[in-house]
Each structure stands twice: as C-alpha cells, then as structure tokens.
C-alpha cells in the first residue's frame, strides 16, 4: 500500500499541528514506524525538546588515603638487566672440564 498525495498532505498537517507519530498512525491506518519513515523521507522534523530538568554538575569525590602503613616501606628498587652489568659465567679450561667429567663418571658408576 503506497502513500498518495492525500495521505501525505494529512500527515504534514497533523504533524505541523503537533500530533505525535503514534497519534497520526491510526488516523492514516498505518503503523507508527511507517509514519516515522515517511516523516523522515519528507524531511519533517520536530526539533529538540528543551531539557526538563537542569542537572547539577558535582565534583568527583576526593579519595581518602587508605592507610599510612602502605606508604611506610619504600618500594623495592628495580634492578636494570643491561648486558654490561650481567655477570659473565665462569670459563673453564680444557683440563678442568676433563677433570669434572671424570669425577662425574666416577660418581655415577
């Protein structure tokens, strides 16, 4: 069912008179969404309603410190892990490695 010029004229007149889409819909025999869609396509707008109340803007509450005990101890200092600061592993000579290997073989056998 399409919109004819008579329905659009009635829609425009009722909308200009201040009726809502829900009030206009039964008079035209259409759904509220159909009326809203046609109002949008026709470019008919109501404008914004003024606010009903004036909200008061409050400051956010100040946070209270929980406990001074948490601040009594200083935080542990982070240690940097730069490669220059790392301790290099101890290097063994060939004779020391053979001696350690021989000792390990004696202990397992």
N, C-alpha and C. Protein backbone atom coordinates (compact mmCIF):
# COMPACT_ATOMS: atom_id res chain seq x y z
N UNK A 1 0.85 -1.17 0.00
CA UNK A 1 0.00 0.00 0.00
C UNK A 1 0.89 1.23 0.00
N UNK A 2 0.77 2.04 -1.02
CA UNK A 2 1.61 3.21 -1.17
C UNK A 2 0.99 4.46 -0.55
N UNK A 3 1.79 5.46 -0.49
CA UNK A 3 1.35 6.75 0.05
C UNK A 3 0.87 7.60 -1.11
N UNK A 4 -0.36 8.09 -1.04
CA UNK A 4 -0.82 9.01 -2.07
C UNK A 4 -0.71 10.45 -1.54
N UNK A 5 -0.96 11.40 -2.40
CA UNK A 5 -0.78 12.82 -2.06
C UNK A 5 -1.72 13.24 -0.94
N UNK A 6 -2.91 12.64 -0.89
CA UNK A 6 -3.89 12.99 0.14
C UNK A 6 -3.38 12.57 1.53
N UNK A 7 -2.79 11.35 1.60
CA UNK A 7 -2.25 10.86 2.88
C UNK A 7 -1.05 11.71 3.33
N UNK A 8 -0.21 12.08 2.39
CA UNK A 8 0.97 12.88 2.74
C UNK A 8 0.55 14.27 3.20
N UNK A 9 -0.49 14.83 2.58
CA UNK A 9 -0.97 16.16 2.99
C UNK A 9 -1.55 16.10 4.40
N UNK A 10 -2.33 15.04 4.70
CA UNK A 10 -2.89 14.88 6.04
C UNK A 10 -1.77 14.67 7.07
N UNK A 11 -0.80 13.87 6.70
CA UNK A 11 0.35 13.63 7.58
C UNK A 11 1.06 14.94 7.90
N UNK A 12 1.31 15.74 6.90
CA UNK A 12 2.01 17.01 7.09
C UNK A 12 1.19 17.95 7.98
N UNK A 13 -0.11 18.00 7.75
CA UNK A 13 -0.98 18.89 8.53
C UNK A 13 -1.04 18.45 10.00
N UNK A 14 -1.21 17.16 10.23
CA UNK A 14 -1.28 16.67 11.62
C UNK A 14 0.05 16.83 12.34
N UNK A 15 1.15 16.60 11.62
CA UNK A 15 2.48 16.75 12.23
C UNK A 15 2.74 18.21 12.58
N UNK A 16 2.33 19.10 11.71
CA UNK A 16 2.51 20.54 11.98
C UNK A 16 1.64 20.99 13.15
N UNK A 17 0.50 20.32 13.35
CA UNK A 17 -0.39 20.67 14.46
C UNK A 17 0.16 20.18 15.79
N UNK A 18 1.22 19.36 15.75
CA UNK A 18 1.86 18.94 16.99
C UNK A 18 1.51 17.53 17.43
N UNK A 19 0.82 16.76 16.58
CA UNK A 19 0.50 15.39 16.96
C UNK A 19 1.71 14.50 16.78
N UNK A 20 1.78 13.45 17.58
CA UNK A 20 2.91 12.51 17.50
C UNK A 20 2.65 11.50 16.40
N UNK A 21 3.71 10.76 16.07
CA UNK A 21 3.58 9.72 15.04
C UNK A 21 2.63 8.63 15.50
N UNK A 22 2.62 8.33 16.80
CA UNK A 22 1.70 7.32 17.33
C UNK A 22 0.25 7.77 17.24
N UNK A 23 -0.01 9.06 17.34
CA UNK A 23 -1.37 9.58 17.21
C UNK A 23 -1.81 9.65 15.75
N UNK A 24 -0.86 9.91 14.87
CA UNK A 24 -1.19 10.04 13.44
C UNK A 24 -1.43 8.67 12.79
N UNK A 25 -0.69 7.67 13.23
CA UNK A 25 -0.73 6.35 12.60
C UNK A 25 -2.14 5.76 12.51
N UNK A 26 -2.96 5.72 13.59
CA UNK A 26 -4.30 5.13 13.44
C UNK A 26 -5.22 5.91 12.50
N UNK A 27 -5.03 7.22 12.42
CA UNK A 27 -5.88 8.02 11.52
C UNK A 27 -5.58 7.72 10.06
N UNK A 28 -4.32 7.34 9.78
CA UNK A 28 -3.96 7.01 8.41
C UNK A 28 -4.07 5.52 8.13
N UNK A 29 -4.30 4.73 9.18
CA UNK A 29 -4.39 3.27 9.00
C UNK A 29 -3.04 2.64 8.73
N UNK A 30 -2.01 3.17 9.32
CA UNK A 30 -0.65 2.67 9.11
C UNK A 30 0.03 2.48 10.46
N UNK A 31 1.20 1.87 10.43
CA UNK A 31 1.95 1.68 11.67
C UNK A 31 2.72 2.96 12.02
N UNK A 32 3.11 3.04 13.26
CA UNK A 32 3.88 4.19 13.72
C UNK A 32 5.21 4.28 12.99
N UNK A 33 5.83 3.11 12.75
CA UNK A 33 7.10 3.11 12.03
C UNK A 33 6.94 3.58 10.59
N UNK A 34 5.82 3.24 9.96
CA UNK A 34 5.58 3.71 8.59
C UNK A 34 5.45 5.22 8.57
N UNK A 35 4.76 5.76 9.58
CA UNK A 35 4.59 7.21 9.67
C UNK A 35 5.95 7.88 9.91
N UNK A 36 6.74 7.31 10.81
CA UNK A 36 8.08 7.87 11.09
C UNK A 36 8.95 7.83 9.84
N UNK A 37 8.89 6.75 9.09
CA UNK A 37 9.67 6.65 7.86
C UNK A 37 9.27 7.70 6.84
N UNK A 38 7.97 7.93 6.69
CA UNK A 38 7.52 8.94 5.72
C UNK A 38 7.89 10.34 6.19
N UNK A 39 7.83 10.58 7.51
CA UNK A 39 8.24 11.88 8.03
C UNK A 39 9.72 12.13 7.73
N UNK A 40 10.52 11.10 7.86
CA UNK A 40 11.95 11.22 7.57
C UNK A 40 12.17 11.50 6.09
N UNK A 41 11.45 10.76 5.23
CA UNK A 41 11.61 10.95 3.80
C UNK A 41 11.12 12.33 3.35
N UNK A 42 10.14 12.86 4.04
CA UNK A 42 9.63 14.20 3.71
C UNK A 42 10.50 15.30 4.30
N UNK A 43 11.39 14.94 5.21
CA UNK A 43 12.28 15.93 5.83
C UNK A 43 11.60 16.73 6.93
N UNK A 44 10.53 16.17 7.50
CA UNK A 44 9.82 16.87 8.57
C UNK A 44 10.44 16.50 9.91
N UNK A 45 10.83 17.53 10.67
CA UNK A 45 11.45 17.31 11.97
C UNK A 45 10.75 18.18 12.99
N UNK A 46 10.80 17.72 14.22
CA UNK A 46 10.21 18.48 15.32
C UNK A 46 11.20 19.44 15.94
N UNK A 47 12.43 19.10 15.90
CA UNK A 47 13.41 19.86 16.67
C UNK A 47 13.59 19.20 18.02
N UNK A 48 14.51 19.69 18.76
CA UNK A 48 14.82 19.08 20.05
C UNK A 48 13.95 19.69 21.13
N UNK A 49 13.53 18.84 22.05
CA UNK A 49 12.76 19.32 23.19
C UNK A 49 13.71 19.95 24.19
N UNK A 50 13.28 21.00 24.87
CA UNK A 50 14.15 21.56 25.91
C UNK A 50 14.28 20.57 27.06
N UNK A 51 15.41 20.57 27.75
CA UNK A 51 15.56 19.64 28.87
C UNK A 51 14.54 19.92 29.96
N UNK A 52 14.04 18.85 30.56
CA UNK A 52 13.01 19.02 31.59
C UNK A 52 13.60 19.39 32.94
N UNK A 53 14.84 19.06 33.15
CA UNK A 53 15.47 19.38 34.43
C UNK A 53 16.86 19.91 34.17
N UNK A 54 17.35 20.66 35.11
CA UNK A 54 18.71 21.19 34.99
C UNK A 54 19.61 20.37 35.90
N UNK A 55 20.38 19.47 35.33
CA UNK A 55 21.23 18.64 36.18
C UNK A 55 22.34 19.48 36.81
N UNK A 56 22.65 19.15 38.06
CA UNK A 56 23.74 19.83 38.74
C UNK A 56 25.00 19.01 38.54
N UNK A 57 26.03 19.68 38.14
CA UNK A 57 27.30 19.01 37.92
C UNK A 57 28.08 19.07 39.22
N UNK A 58 28.37 17.89 39.75
CA UNK A 58 29.10 17.81 41.00
C UNK A 58 30.53 17.41 40.74
N UNK A 59 31.41 17.86 41.62
CA UNK A 59 32.80 17.46 41.52
C UNK A 59 32.93 16.01 41.96
N UNK A 60 33.90 15.31 41.39
CA UNK A 60 34.10 13.93 41.83
C UNK A 60 34.60 13.91 43.27
N UNK A 61 34.25 12.90 44.03
CA UNK A 61 34.67 12.85 45.43
C UNK A 61 36.18 12.69 45.54
N UNK A 62 36.73 13.32 46.57
CA UNK A 62 38.17 13.19 46.80
C UNK A 62 38.42 11.84 47.45
N UNK A 63 39.46 11.19 46.98
CA UNK A 63 39.81 9.88 47.52
C UNK A 63 40.62 10.07 48.80
N UNK A 64 40.26 9.32 49.82
CA UNK A 64 40.96 9.38 51.08
C UNK A 64 42.10 8.37 51.07
N UNK A 65 43.24 8.72 51.69
CA UNK A 65 44.30 7.71 51.76
C UNK A 65 43.85 6.56 52.63
N UNK A 66 44.12 5.36 52.17
CA UNK A 66 43.62 4.18 52.89
C UNK A 66 44.38 3.93 54.18
N UNK A 67 45.68 3.90 54.09
CA UNK A 67 46.46 3.60 55.27
C UNK A 67 47.86 4.15 55.06
N UNK A 68 48.42 4.67 56.12
CA UNK A 68 49.78 5.18 56.01
C UNK A 68 50.79 4.04 56.06
N UNK A 69 50.36 2.85 56.51
CA UNK A 69 51.27 1.71 56.59
C UNK A 69 51.74 1.29 55.21
N UNK A 70 50.90 1.46 54.21
CA UNK A 70 51.28 1.08 52.86
C UNK A 70 52.39 1.97 52.34
N UNK A 71 52.47 3.19 52.84
CA UNK A 71 53.49 4.12 52.39
C UNK A 71 54.73 4.10 53.28
N UNK A 72 54.69 3.36 54.40
CA UNK A 72 55.80 3.38 55.35
C UNK A 72 57.04 2.72 54.76
N UNK A 73 56.87 1.63 54.03
CA UNK A 73 58.01 0.94 53.45
C UNK A 73 58.25 1.45 52.03
N UNK A 74 59.50 1.75 51.70
CA UNK A 74 59.75 2.17 50.32
C UNK A 74 59.64 0.96 49.38
N UNK A 75 59.28 1.23 48.17
CA UNK A 75 59.16 0.16 47.18
C UNK A 75 60.54 -0.37 46.85
N UNK A 76 60.66 -1.66 46.56
CA UNK A 76 61.98 -2.19 46.22
C UNK A 76 62.48 -1.57 44.92
N UNK A 77 63.79 -1.32 44.89
CA UNK A 77 64.38 -0.69 43.74
C UNK A 77 64.51 -1.72 42.61
N UNK A 78 64.11 -1.32 41.41
CA UNK A 78 64.22 -2.21 40.27
C UNK A 78 65.67 -2.26 39.81
N UNK A 79 66.10 -3.45 39.51
CA UNK A 79 67.47 -3.64 39.06
C UNK A 79 67.47 -3.73 37.55
N UNK A 80 68.31 -2.96 36.94
CA UNK A 80 68.41 -2.96 35.49
C UNK A 80 69.09 -4.24 35.03
N UNK A 81 68.68 -4.78 33.91
CA UNK A 81 69.27 -6.00 33.39
C UNK A 81 70.02 -5.72 32.09
N UNK A 82 70.84 -4.73 32.13
CA UNK A 82 71.66 -4.44 30.94
C UNK A 82 72.71 -5.53 30.78
N UNK A 83 73.11 -5.78 29.55
CA UNK A 83 74.08 -6.84 29.29
C UNK A 83 75.44 -6.51 29.86
N UNK A 84 75.76 -5.23 29.98
CA UNK A 84 77.07 -4.87 30.52
C UNK A 84 77.15 -5.13 32.01
N UNK A 85 76.03 -5.10 32.71
CA UNK A 85 76.02 -5.28 34.14
C UNK A 85 75.90 -6.74 34.56
N UNK A 86 75.54 -7.63 33.64
CA UNK A 86 75.38 -9.05 33.97
C UNK A 86 76.73 -9.68 34.27
N UNK A 87 76.71 -10.60 35.18
CA UNK A 87 77.94 -11.33 35.47
C UNK A 87 78.11 -12.42 34.43
N UNK A 88 79.29 -12.47 33.88
CA UNK A 88 79.58 -13.48 32.86
C UNK A 88 79.84 -14.82 33.53
N UNK A 89 79.40 -15.92 32.92
CA UNK A 89 79.66 -17.23 33.53
C UNK A 89 81.17 -17.51 33.56
N UNK A 90 81.57 -18.28 34.56
CA UNK A 90 82.98 -18.62 34.73
C UNK A 90 83.40 -19.56 33.62
N UNK A 91 84.53 -19.25 33.01
CA UNK A 91 85.03 -20.09 31.93
C UNK A 91 86.03 -21.11 32.49
N UNK A 92 85.90 -22.34 32.01
CA UNK A 92 86.79 -23.42 32.44
C UNK A 92 87.74 -23.77 31.31
N UNK A 93 88.92 -24.18 31.71
CA UNK A 93 89.88 -24.65 30.72
C UNK A 93 89.59 -26.10 30.34
N UNK A 94 90.31 -26.58 29.33
CA UNK A 94 90.10 -27.94 28.84
C UNK A 94 90.42 -28.97 29.93
N UNK A 95 91.50 -28.76 30.65
CA UNK A 95 91.88 -29.72 31.69
C UNK A 95 90.86 -29.75 32.81
N UNK A 96 90.34 -28.59 33.19
CA UNK A 96 89.34 -28.55 34.27
C UNK A 96 88.06 -29.27 33.84
N UNK A 97 87.65 -29.09 32.58
CA UNK A 97 86.44 -29.76 32.08
C UNK A 97 86.62 -31.27 32.08
N UNK A 98 87.81 -31.77 31.64
CA UNK A 98 88.06 -33.21 31.65
C UNK A 98 88.06 -33.77 33.06
N UNK A 99 88.57 -32.98 34.00
CA UNK A 99 88.61 -33.42 35.39
C UNK A 99 87.20 -33.51 35.97
N UNK A 100 86.36 -32.54 35.64
CA UNK A 100 84.96 -32.55 36.13
C UNK A 100 84.19 -33.70 35.51
N UNK A 101 84.45 -33.99 34.25
CA UNK A 101 83.78 -35.10 33.57
C UNK A 101 84.20 -36.43 34.17
N UNK A 102 85.48 -36.58 34.41
CA UNK A 102 85.97 -37.82 35.01
C UNK A 102 85.38 -38.01 36.40
N UNK A 103 85.27 -36.98 37.17
CA UNK A 103 84.69 -37.06 38.52
C UNK A 103 83.21 -37.44 38.45
N UNK A 104 82.50 -36.87 37.48
CA UNK A 104 81.08 -37.19 37.32
C UNK A 104 80.91 -38.66 36.95
N UNK A 105 81.81 -39.19 36.08
CA UNK A 105 81.71 -40.59 35.68
C UNK A 105 81.99 -41.49 36.88
N UNK A 106 82.96 -41.12 37.70
CA UNK A 106 83.27 -41.93 38.90
C UNK A 106 82.10 -41.93 39.88
N UNK A 107 81.41 -40.78 40.01
CA UNK A 107 80.30 -40.69 40.98
C UNK A 107 79.06 -41.45 40.52
N UNK A 108 78.86 -41.61 39.21
CA UNK A 108 77.67 -42.31 38.71
C UNK A 108 77.91 -43.79 38.57
N UNK A 109 79.13 -44.26 38.50
CA UNK A 109 79.39 -45.67 38.22
C UNK A 109 79.57 -46.49 39.39
